[in-house]
Protein backbone atom coordinates (compact mmCIF):
# COMPACT_ATOMS: atom_id res chain seq x y z
CA UNK A 1 -16.63 70.94 207.20
CA UNK A 2 -13.46 68.64 205.93
CA UNK A 3 -9.96 69.10 207.60
CA UNK A 4 -7.28 71.08 205.44
CA UNK A 5 -4.36 68.98 203.69
CA UNK A 6 -1.97 67.82 206.18
CA UNK A 7 0.29 65.27 204.22
CA UNK A 8 2.60 65.58 206.92
CA UNK A 9 3.09 66.54 210.17
CA UNK A 10 5.23 69.19 211.53
CA UNK A 11 5.92 71.44 214.65
CA UNK A 12 4.19 75.27 214.56
CA UNK A 13 7.34 76.68 215.54
CA UNK A 14 9.51 76.14 211.75
CA UNK A 15 13.24 77.55 211.84
CA UNK A 16 14.20 79.20 208.65
CA UNK A 17 17.74 77.93 207.35
CA UNK A 18 19.32 79.66 204.41
CA UNK A 19 19.33 76.42 202.43
CA UNK A 20 15.51 75.53 202.56
CA UNK A 21 14.20 75.89 199.68
CA UNK A 22 10.72 78.66 199.10
CA UNK A 23 8.66 75.64 198.15
CA UNK A 24 9.63 73.95 201.64
CA UNK A 25 9.01 76.97 203.55
CA UNK A 26 5.93 76.91 201.53
CA UNK A 27 5.23 73.64 202.88
CA UNK A 28 6.32 74.09 206.72
CA UNK A 29 3.99 77.07 206.67
CA UNK A 30 1.20 75.63 205.68
CA UNK A 31 1.47 72.64 208.10
CA UNK A 32 2.25 74.89 210.96
CA UNK A 33 -1.52 76.61 209.96
CA UNK A 34 -2.68 73.08 210.10
CA UNK A 35 -1.99 72.51 213.63
CA UNK A 36 -3.48 75.67 214.31
CA UNK A 37 -6.79 74.84 212.37
CA UNK A 38 -6.38 71.10 214.43
CA UNK A 39 -6.33 73.20 217.79
CA UNK A 40 -9.58 75.62 216.56
CA UNK A 41 -7.44 78.82 216.55
CA UNK A 42 -8.29 79.74 212.87
CA UNK A 43 -7.34 83.54 212.96
CA UNK A 44 -3.52 82.29 214.12
CA UNK A 45 -3.93 79.84 211.22
CA UNK A 46 -4.56 82.42 208.69
CA UNK A 47 -1.56 84.27 208.19
CA UNK A 48 0.60 80.57 207.92
CA UNK A 49 -1.66 80.33 204.89
CA UNK A 50 -1.44 83.57 203.62
CA UNK A 51 2.73 83.38 203.77
CA UNK A 52 2.65 79.44 202.11
CA UNK A 53 0.55 81.16 198.96
CA UNK A 54 2.81 83.86 198.79
CA UNK A 55 6.17 81.90 198.77
CA UNK A 56 4.40 79.29 196.38
CA UNK A 57 1.09 81.05 194.92
CA UNK A 58 0.72 78.12 192.42
CA UNK A 59 -0.19 75.32 194.63
CA UNK A 60 -3.94 75.18 194.57
CA UNK A 61 -4.41 73.03 198.20
CA UNK A 62 -2.60 76.22 199.85
CA UNK A 63 -5.90 78.34 198.59
CA UNK A 64 -8.24 75.24 199.34
CA UNK A 65 -6.58 75.69 202.97
CA UNK A 66 -7.16 79.01 203.53
CA UNK A 67 -10.31 79.01 202.37
CA UNK A 68 -11.87 76.03 204.66
CA UNK A 69 -10.13 78.92 207.53
CA UNK A 70 -12.27 81.63 206.32
CA UNK A 71 -14.89 79.32 206.07
CA UNK A 72 -14.72 78.93 209.83
CA UNK A 73 -14.71 82.23 210.63
CA UNK A 74 -17.41 83.10 208.57
CA UNK A 75 -15.79 85.02 205.88
CA UNK A 76 -17.20 83.35 203.08
CA UNK A 77 -16.86 85.89 200.07
CA UNK A 78 -13.22 85.61 201.05
CA UNK A 79 -13.36 81.72 201.27
CA UNK A 80 -14.97 81.88 197.68
CA UNK A 81 -12.44 83.96 196.32
CA UNK A 82 -9.88 81.63 197.49
CA UNK A 83 -11.75 78.20 196.22
CA UNK A 84 -12.21 79.50 192.52
CA UNK A 85 -7.95 80.58 192.39
CA UNK A 86 -7.42 76.98 194.03
CA UNK A 87 -9.48 75.68 190.56
CA UNK A 88 -8.23 78.30 188.37
CA UNK A 89 -4.87 76.33 189.34
CA UNK A 90 -6.30 72.61 189.23
CA UNK A 91 -9.71 72.15 187.45
CA UNK A 92 -9.54 69.06 189.06
CA UNK A 93 -9.14 69.98 192.48
CA UNK A 94 -12.12 68.21 194.47
CA UNK A 95 -12.29 70.28 197.66
CA UNK A 96 -11.96 73.38 195.71
CA UNK A 97 -15.17 72.34 194.62
CA UNK A 98 -16.56 70.97 197.96
CA UNK A 99 -15.06 74.77 199.04
CA UNK A 100 -17.21 76.47 196.94
CA UNK A 101 -20.15 74.41 197.33
CA UNK A 102 -20.24 75.07 201.09
CA UNK A 103 -19.29 79.60 200.29
CA UNK A 104 -22.37 79.21 197.54
CA UNK A 105 -24.83 77.47 200.15
CA UNK A 106 -23.90 80.01 202.66
CA UNK A 107 -24.07 83.03 200.75
CA UNK A 108 -27.80 81.72 199.11
CA UNK A 109 -26.64 81.14 195.56
CA UNK A 110 -28.17 77.59 195.78
CA UNK A 111 -27.53 77.20 191.58
CA UNK A 112 -24.22 77.92 191.94
CA UNK A 113 -23.44 75.52 194.65
CA UNK A 114 -25.07 72.96 192.84
CA UNK A 115 -22.92 73.29 189.95
CA UNK A 116 -20.20 72.84 192.37
CA UNK A 117 -21.17 69.65 193.66
CA UNK A 118 -22.04 68.09 189.91
CA UNK A 119 -18.47 68.86 189.69
CA UNK A 120 -17.62 67.03 192.45
CA UNK A 121 -19.96 63.91 191.21
CA UNK A 122 -18.34 63.91 188.16
CA UNK A 123 -14.59 64.06 188.93
CA UNK A 124 -14.93 61.69 192.26
CA UNK A 125 -18.46 59.85 192.39
CA UNK A 126 -17.59 58.03 194.98
CA UNK A 127 -16.10 61.10 197.57
CA UNK A 128 -17.74 60.34 200.92
CA UNK A 129 -18.90 64.44 201.09
CA UNK A 130 -20.95 64.35 198.12
CA UNK A 131 -23.96 62.34 199.15
CA UNK A 132 -24.82 64.57 202.41
CA UNK A 133 -23.81 67.84 200.75
CA UNK A 134 -26.02 67.44 197.74
CA UNK A 135 -29.15 65.88 200.72
CA UNK A 136 -28.55 69.53 202.31
CA UNK A 137 -28.56 71.10 199.25
CA UNK A 138 -31.91 69.47 198.21
CA UNK A 139 -33.26 70.54 201.42
CA UNK A 140 -32.39 73.91 201.58
CA UNK A 141 -33.71 73.99 198.04
CA UNK A 142 -37.22 73.02 198.30
CA UNK A 143 -37.67 75.01 201.98
CA UNK A 144 -36.43 77.89 199.59
CA UNK A 145 -38.88 77.10 196.54
CA UNK A 146 -41.69 76.58 199.44
CA UNK A 147 -41.04 79.77 201.29
CA UNK A 148 -40.75 81.68 197.46
CA UNK A 149 -44.75 80.56 196.99
CA UNK A 150 -45.74 81.37 200.80
CA UNK A 151 -44.49 84.58 200.40
CA UNK A 152 -46.73 85.25 197.27
CA UNK A 153 -49.66 83.95 199.10
CA UNK A 154 -48.44 86.56 202.11
CA UNK A 155 -48.51 83.80 204.37
CA UNK A 156 -45.49 85.10 206.10
CA UNK A 157 -45.75 82.85 209.41
CA UNK A 158 -45.14 79.91 207.36
CA UNK A 159 -42.22 82.00 205.90
CA UNK A 160 -40.59 82.01 209.44
CA UNK A 161 -40.68 78.46 210.11
CA UNK A 162 -39.50 77.15 206.25
CA UNK A 163 -36.35 79.99 207.10
CA UNK A 164 -35.73 78.31 210.66
CA UNK A 165 -35.87 74.96 209.12
CA UNK A 166 -33.26 76.18 206.71
CA UNK A 167 -31.65 78.00 208.92
CA UNK A 168 -31.17 74.88 210.86
CA UNK A 169 -28.59 73.23 207.46
CA UNK A 170 -26.85 77.06 206.62
CA UNK A 171 -26.59 78.69 209.62
CA UNK A 172 -25.75 82.01 209.82
CA UNK A 173 -26.85 82.40 205.66
CA UNK A 174 -27.29 86.44 205.22
CA UNK A 175 -29.58 85.49 202.56
CA UNK A 176 -31.92 83.34 204.36
CA UNK A 177 -31.49 85.53 207.56
CA UNK A 178 -32.95 88.29 206.18
CA UNK A 179 -35.66 86.36 204.21
CA UNK A 180 -37.03 85.73 207.78
CA UNK A 181 -36.52 88.74 208.76
CA UNK A 182 -38.55 90.37 206.32
CA UNK A 183 -41.82 88.24 206.95
CA UNK A 184 -41.06 89.24 210.82
CA UNK A 185 -41.60 92.61 209.58
CA UNK A 186 -44.74 91.73 207.35
CA UNK A 187 -46.18 89.92 210.78
CA UNK A 188 -45.69 93.11 212.82
CA UNK A 189 -42.64 91.58 214.70
CA UNK A 190 -40.74 94.78 213.97
CA UNK A 191 -38.31 94.45 216.95
CA UNK A 192 -37.21 91.16 216.16
CA UNK A 193 -36.60 92.04 212.64
CA UNK A 194 -34.74 94.76 213.32
CA UNK A 195 -32.24 93.06 215.70
CA UNK A 196 -31.65 90.79 213.06
CA UNK A 197 -30.31 93.54 210.46
CA UNK A 198 -28.92 95.54 212.71
CA UNK A 199 -26.84 91.95 214.00
CA UNK A 200 -26.12 91.23 209.89
CA UNK A 201 -24.94 95.57 209.64
CA UNK A 202 -22.64 95.09 212.68
CA UNK A 203 -20.59 92.38 210.38
CA UNK A 204 -21.68 93.68 206.91
CA UNK A 205 -22.19 97.77 207.17
CA UNK A 206 -23.05 97.95 203.26
CA UNK A 207 -25.40 94.70 203.35
CA UNK A 208 -28.04 96.53 201.31
CA UNK A 209 -30.89 93.68 202.25
CA UNK A 210 -30.34 94.56 205.68
CA UNK A 211 -30.70 98.44 205.48
CA UNK A 212 -33.68 97.61 203.09
CA UNK A 213 -35.54 95.25 206.24
CA UNK A 214 -34.39 98.06 208.89
CA UNK A 215 -36.23 100.56 206.58
CA UNK A 216 -39.16 98.01 205.60
CA UNK A 217 -39.51 97.76 209.78
CA UNK A 218 -39.83 102.02 210.06
CA UNK A 219 -42.17 102.01 207.55
CA UNK A 220 -44.50 99.40 208.91
CA UNK A 221 -44.52 101.20 212.02
CA UNK A 222 -45.60 104.34 210.14
CA UNK A 223 -41.99 106.15 211.04
CA UNK A 224 -42.10 107.23 207.33
CA UNK A 225 -39.20 109.64 206.66
CA UNK A 226 -36.59 107.16 208.31
CA UNK A 227 -37.99 104.54 205.95
CA UNK A 228 -37.51 106.90 203.04
CA UNK A 229 -33.53 107.43 204.68
CA UNK A 230 -33.30 103.66 204.29
CA UNK A 231 -34.92 103.19 200.99
CA UNK A 232 -32.91 106.14 199.31
CA UNK A 233 -29.49 104.57 200.68
CA UNK A 234 -30.40 100.99 199.35
CA UNK A 235 -31.30 102.70 196.04
CA UNK A 236 -28.03 104.16 195.78
CA UNK A 237 -26.18 101.87 196.20
CA UNK A 238 -28.43 98.85 194.03
CA UNK A 239 -30.52 100.52 192.05
CA UNK A 240 -31.72 97.80 190.42
CA UNK A 241 -33.11 96.55 193.98
CA UNK A 242 -36.96 95.97 192.91
CA UNK A 243 -38.18 94.84 196.55
CA UNK A 244 -36.95 98.61 197.98
CA UNK A 245 -38.08 100.46 195.37
CA UNK A 246 -41.13 98.97 195.22
CA UNK A 247 -41.87 99.89 198.79
CA UNK A 248 -40.18 102.85 198.20
CA UNK A 249 -43.12 104.08 195.75
CA UNK A 250 -45.86 102.98 197.96
CA UNK A 251 -44.55 104.84 200.68
CA UNK A 252 -44.17 108.15 198.71
CA UNK A 253 -47.90 107.73 197.74
CA UNK A 254 -49.20 106.69 200.83
CA UNK A 255 -47.75 109.19 202.63
CA UNK A 256 -48.64 111.51 199.73
CA UNK A 257 -52.61 110.68 199.54
CA UNK A 258 -53.11 110.68 203.76
CA UNK A 259 -51.29 114.28 203.86
CA UNK A 260 -53.65 115.41 200.82
CA UNK A 261 -56.37 113.88 203.28
CA UNK A 262 -55.54 115.65 206.17
CA UNK A 263 -55.55 118.93 204.02
CA UNK A 264 -58.89 118.45 202.97
CA UNK A 265 -60.58 118.00 206.17
CA UNK A 266 -58.78 120.54 207.69
CA UNK A 267 -60.64 122.76 205.18
CA UNK A 268 -63.84 121.26 205.50
CA UNK A 269 -63.98 119.42 202.08
CA UNK A 270 -64.86 116.38 204.20
CA UNK A 271 -65.91 114.21 201.21
CA UNK A 272 -62.74 114.95 199.42
CA UNK A 273 -61.04 114.02 202.73
CA UNK A 274 -62.90 110.66 203.12
CA UNK A 275 -62.28 109.83 199.06
CA UNK A 276 -58.40 110.54 199.38
CA UNK A 277 -58.52 108.09 202.67
CA UNK A 278 -60.09 105.39 200.47
CA UNK A 279 -57.29 106.06 198.24
CA UNK A 280 -54.77 105.97 200.18
CA UNK A 281 -56.22 102.93 202.24
CA UNK A 282 -55.66 100.78 198.13
CA UNK A 283 -52.15 101.66 198.38
CA UNK A 284 -50.72 99.14 200.76
CA UNK A 285 -52.97 96.56 203.05
CA UNK A 286 -49.78 95.35 204.66
CA UNK A 287 -49.19 98.89 206.44
CA UNK A 288 -51.32 98.07 209.03
CA UNK A 289 -50.02 100.81 210.82
CA UNK A 290 -50.96 103.70 208.99
CA UNK A 291 -54.10 102.16 207.51
CA UNK A 292 -55.74 101.95 211.27
CA UNK A 293 -55.02 105.30 211.24
CA UNK A 294 -56.78 106.42 207.85
CA UNK A 295 -59.73 104.25 208.92
CA UNK A 296 -60.05 106.43 212.31
CA UNK A 297 -59.54 109.47 209.87
CA UNK A 298 -62.37 108.59 207.56
CA UNK A 299 -64.49 107.37 210.94
CA UNK A 300 -63.77 111.02 211.50
CA UNK A 301 -64.64 112.60 208.65
CA UNK A 302 -67.82 110.34 208.42
CA UNK A 303 -69.09 111.37 211.98
CA UNK A 304 -68.56 115.00 211.00
CA UNK A 305 -71.03 114.28 208.08
CA UNK A 306 -73.33 112.54 210.15
CA UNK A 307 -72.98 108.72 208.51
CA UNK A 308 -72.59 107.39 211.96
CA UNK A 309 -73.07 103.69 210.97
CA UNK A 310 -69.88 104.21 208.89
CA UNK A 311 -67.79 105.94 210.84
CA UNK A 312 -68.70 102.84 213.36
CA UNK A 313 -67.64 100.31 210.85
CA UNK A 314 -64.47 102.40 209.96
CA UNK A 315 -63.77 102.12 214.09
CA UNK A 316 -64.13 99.01 213.77
CA UNK A 317 -61.45 98.22 211.10
CA UNK A 318 -59.03 100.49 212.39
CA UNK A 319 -59.65 98.05 215.96
CA UNK A 320 -58.96 94.90 214.24
CA UNK A 321 -55.67 96.54 212.95
CA UNK A 322 -54.78 97.95 216.21
CA UNK A 323 -57.01 96.61 219.30
CA UNK A 324 -55.46 98.89 221.22
CA UNK A 325 -56.08 102.06 219.26
CA UNK A 326 -57.82 104.39 222.06
CA UNK A 327 -59.20 107.26 219.70
CA UNK A 328 -60.68 104.21 217.38
CA UNK A 329 -62.64 103.02 220.70
CA UNK A 330 -63.59 106.18 222.01
CA UNK A 331 -64.65 107.63 218.55
CA UNK A 332 -67.15 104.48 218.07
CA UNK A 333 -68.18 104.29 221.29
CA UNK A 334 -69.80 108.03 220.65
CA UNK A 335 -70.90 107.50 217.66
CA UNK A 336 -73.19 104.53 219.27
CA UNK A 337 -74.28 106.83 221.78
CA UNK A 338 -75.28 109.13 219.26
CA UNK A 339 -76.83 106.29 217.80
CA UNK A 340 -78.94 105.21 221.26
CA UNK A 341 -76.80 102.26 220.67
CA UNK A 342 -75.89 102.36 224.46
CA UNK A 343 -74.84 98.77 225.48
CA UNK A 344 -72.44 99.04 222.43
CA UNK A 345 -71.41 102.45 223.70
CA UNK A 346 -70.54 101.08 227.46
CA UNK A 347 -68.51 98.13 225.99
CA UNK A 348 -66.73 100.31 224.50
CA UNK A 349 -65.95 102.97 227.26
CA UNK A 350 -65.34 100.13 229.51
CA UNK A 351 -62.67 98.98 226.83
CA UNK A 352 -60.71 102.81 226.68
CA UNK A 353 -60.86 102.94 230.51
CA UNK A 354 -59.16 99.26 230.94
CA UNK A 355 -56.26 100.90 228.06
CA UNK A 356 -56.38 104.07 230.40
CA UNK A 357 -57.69 104.31 233.70
CA UNK A 358 -57.76 108.32 233.82
CA UNK A 359 -60.53 110.64 235.29
CA UNK A 360 -61.66 111.90 231.94
CA UNK A 361 -62.38 107.73 230.90
CA UNK A 362 -63.86 107.09 233.97
CA UNK A 363 -66.49 110.00 233.77
CA UNK A 364 -67.44 108.81 230.10
CA UNK A 365 -68.20 105.61 231.04
CA UNK A 366 -69.86 106.71 233.98
CA UNK A 367 -72.23 108.99 231.59
CA UNK A 368 -72.11 105.83 229.21
CA UNK A 369 -73.88 103.85 232.45
CA UNK A 370 -76.21 106.51 233.27
CA UNK A 371 -77.79 106.83 230.03
CA UNK A 372 -78.09 103.10 229.53
CA UNK A 373 -80.21 102.93 232.89
CA UNK A 374 -81.86 105.67 231.98
CA UNK A 375 -82.85 104.51 228.52
CA UNK A 376 -83.93 101.18 229.97
CA UNK A 377 -86.32 103.34 232.52
CA UNK A 378 -90.17 102.83 231.53
CA UNK A 379 -91.30 106.17 229.50
CA UNK A 380 -94.58 106.77 231.72
CA UNK A 381 -95.78 109.90 229.64
CA UNK A 382 -95.71 107.40 226.85
CA UNK A 383 -97.45 104.41 228.87
CA UNK A 384 -100.76 107.03 229.22
CA UNK A 385 -100.01 108.63 225.70
CA UNK A 386 -99.40 112.39 226.85
CA UNK A 387 -96.45 114.52 227.11
CA UNK A 388 -94.59 116.03 230.12
CA UNK A 389 -97.05 119.19 230.22
CA UNK A 390 -100.42 117.57 230.89
CA UNK A 391 -102.72 118.71 233.55
CA UNK A 392 -103.82 116.41 236.36
CA UNK A 393 -106.84 116.30 234.77
CA UNK A 394 -105.04 114.92 231.28
CA UNK A 395 -103.11 112.52 233.22
CA UNK A 396 -106.58 111.31 235.03
CA UNK A 397 -108.22 110.78 231.75
CA UNK A 398 -105.27 109.24 229.70
CA UNK A 399 -105.26 106.63 232.45
CA UNK A 400 -109.21 105.91 232.56
CA UNK A 401 -108.58 105.60 228.60
CA UNK A 402 -106.18 103.06 228.74
CA UNK A 403 -106.83 101.15 231.67
CA UNK A 404 -110.13 100.39 229.96
CA UNK A 405 -108.27 99.90 226.87
CA UNK A 406 -106.39 96.99 228.74
CA UNK A 407 -108.62 95.85 231.23
CA UNK A 408 -108.09 91.88 231.57
CA UNK A 409 -112.03 91.03 231.48
CA UNK A 410 -111.65 92.75 228.05
CA UNK A 411 -109.53 89.90 226.60
CA UNK A 412 -111.29 87.38 228.41
CA UNK A 413 -111.49 85.43 224.73
CA UNK A 414 -108.02 86.24 223.86
CA UNK A 415 -105.60 83.81 223.62
CA UNK A 416 -103.01 82.53 226.35
CA UNK A 417 -100.03 85.18 225.00
CA UNK A 418 -102.30 88.11 223.96
CA UNK A 419 -104.12 87.88 227.99
CA UNK A 420 -100.54 87.74 229.49
CA UNK A 421 -99.51 91.25 226.98
CA UNK A 422 -102.72 92.76 228.12
CA UNK A 423 -102.19 92.01 231.48
CA UNK A 424 -98.69 93.24 231.81
CA UNK A 425 -99.85 97.03 230.13
CA UNK A 426 -102.53 96.81 232.38
CA UNK A 427 -100.39 96.81 234.92
CA UNK A 428 -98.09 99.42 233.41
CA UNK A 429 -101.20 101.51 233.03
CA UNK A 430 -101.20 101.30 236.46
CA UNK A 431 -97.78 102.29 237.66
CA UNK A 432 -97.44 104.90 235.25
CA UNK A 433 -100.37 106.93 237.39
CA UNK A 434 -99.43 105.88 240.26
CA UNK A 435 -96.38 107.97 239.70
CA UNK A 436 -97.32 110.63 237.35
CA UNK A 437 -100.55 111.54 239.86
CA UNK A 438 -98.56 111.70 242.68
CA UNK A 439 -96.72 115.48 242.44
CA UNK A 440 -93.79 114.32 244.57
CA UNK A 441 -92.95 111.40 242.79
CA UNK A 442 -93.78 113.36 239.90
CA UNK A 443 -91.31 115.91 240.33
CA UNK A 444 -88.77 113.25 241.47
CA UNK A 445 -89.51 110.76 237.59
CA UNK A 446 -89.26 114.24 235.99
CA UNK A 447 -85.30 114.93 237.24
CA UNK A 448 -84.29 111.57 236.73
CA UNK A 449 -84.02 111.20 240.77
CA UNK A 450 -85.55 107.65 240.80
CA UNK A 451 -82.61 105.72 239.21
CA UNK A 452 -82.30 103.65 242.54
CA UNK A 453 -86.15 102.79 242.60
CA UNK A 454 -85.84 101.58 238.72
CA UNK A 455 -85.30 98.57 239.34
CA UNK A 456 -88.41 97.65 241.81
CA UNK A 457 -90.68 99.33 239.62
CA UNK A 458 -92.34 96.18 238.24
CA UNK A 459 -92.80 94.60 241.96
CA UNK A 460 -94.74 97.69 243.12
CA UNK A 461 -96.46 98.07 240.02
CA UNK A 462 -98.04 94.51 240.76
CA UNK A 463 -99.21 95.50 243.64
CA UNK A 464 -100.72 98.57 242.57
CA UNK A 465 -102.47 97.66 239.47
CA UNK A 466 -103.78 94.32 239.66
CA UNK A 467 -107.20 93.34 238.28
CA UNK A 468 -110.36 95.02 240.32
CA UNK A 469 -107.72 97.19 241.86
CA UNK A 470 -106.17 100.46 240.84
CA UNK A 471 -104.47 103.08 242.77
CA UNK A 472 -106.23 105.62 245.11
CA UNK A 473 -109.42 103.69 244.96
CA UNK A 474 -110.01 104.83 240.95
CA UNK A 475 -111.70 101.36 240.26
CA UNK A 476 -113.69 99.59 242.93
CA UNK A 477 -116.01 102.16 243.51
CA UNK A 478 -113.37 104.82 245.15
CA UNK A 479 -113.70 107.45 242.46
CA UNK A 480 -117.31 108.36 241.17
CA UNK A 481 -116.18 108.51 237.32
CA UNK A 482 -116.80 104.21 237.86
CA UNK A 483 -119.85 103.41 239.64
CA UNK A 484 -119.62 99.75 240.88
CA UNK A 485 -123.19 97.39 239.25
CA UNK A 486 -123.86 94.27 238.68
CA UNK A 487 -122.54 94.25 234.93
CA UNK A 488 -119.64 95.66 233.25
CA UNK A 489 -116.28 94.46 233.08
CA UNK A 490 -115.00 93.17 236.37
CA UNK A 491 -118.35 94.07 238.12
CA UNK A 492 -118.21 97.73 237.24
CA UNK A 493 -120.58 99.55 235.51
CA UNK A 494 -118.50 102.89 233.54
CA UNK A 495 -120.24 106.02 232.73
CA UNK A 496 -118.92 108.41 230.37
CA UNK A 497 -119.77 112.01 229.55
């Protein structure tokens, strides 16, 4: 900041003598103010400049000096008024234009700043402050233009970056500070956005842009009623505030449509509720908090209509917007379970338990893991092709039939892959018969008491059902149904009848 005009040096303590003219007295007050200005005592210097102005109201330099003092106190609107007054008195007052350019840049009016610097160029092209000020203005203009383009593309992170660069040049400029805050709110960084807005409102309680940003943060945190109050305040003070009007309309439409969807759901009108939630999701894609809830609500409706895959899709969409959304995790896990996608269900219940380690969530996780374990257990009734009401005789007949069907000797001419598959199935038949033909083992199996032994079942089967060796001597002459002979499969002659 250039120093105020101080063509002469005087002591701040001025003795007022009766024969001193108002002009001389005004000059002494100005010089006293200059001394305090140099000591960075701007608040003390300010009234001295005011005294000088009152004593000599047609001196442009006095207004210029007070404008410089206002700038150092960040009172740019007051400085702007003094700069304009100075130029009204002296249209060739270069420092007045420099003060105006500084104020306009700090107020975010780049076009007006450019006009002020153009006047300096016309009057005093060799002014040493002109080149750096024009360079600063060009940089701010470039960053501002780029930020506007990024806003259109909803590239809010880049907007924040660009505004940080701008604020290195025009530190404290409310326009660009609030532009940054608006993008922070749109990025979901609500605490930062609100802190910026609150700091500005402490200095300027009527700043409608700061009130707008605070309302935005509330709206995007699904605090709609408080947001409405802020938007209404902005529009009352500035009816032409387009962004506030746009977001206020969206907020009202979103609240109304969501509430109508809730009413339809409570009334059992599930398709209508689904359609209303779908409409609501189109209103404001940037409102991730509300949209996450809308996706969850629509998932709930879909599950009621037994559209489980659609419900899963909506829960997934909700979790993309809020990865800690517990209700969406639990709903998706339940849908996975209902679709017998048990591994996916376990994963979701594990996530839910990590978010909230409650007894209820522990129980759900344990039940899901148990269901998954059950699903991986071999269905021995299915292996033998019988149902659970089959008698011992039925089990024996089914065993004989399946054993003959998959006996390796019967597939000696098959490919290696087919031989391996038939041998595996042959062993499974043996496993199934070993369990279902033993009353105690069958009872344990039917009552699901055998889970701890399931993982070792394959090992047991390989001992029971190897080629030519079956449980209970059912083959190899131990069973009258099969009698050993010199012909037949594996040395066995099968007599049916």
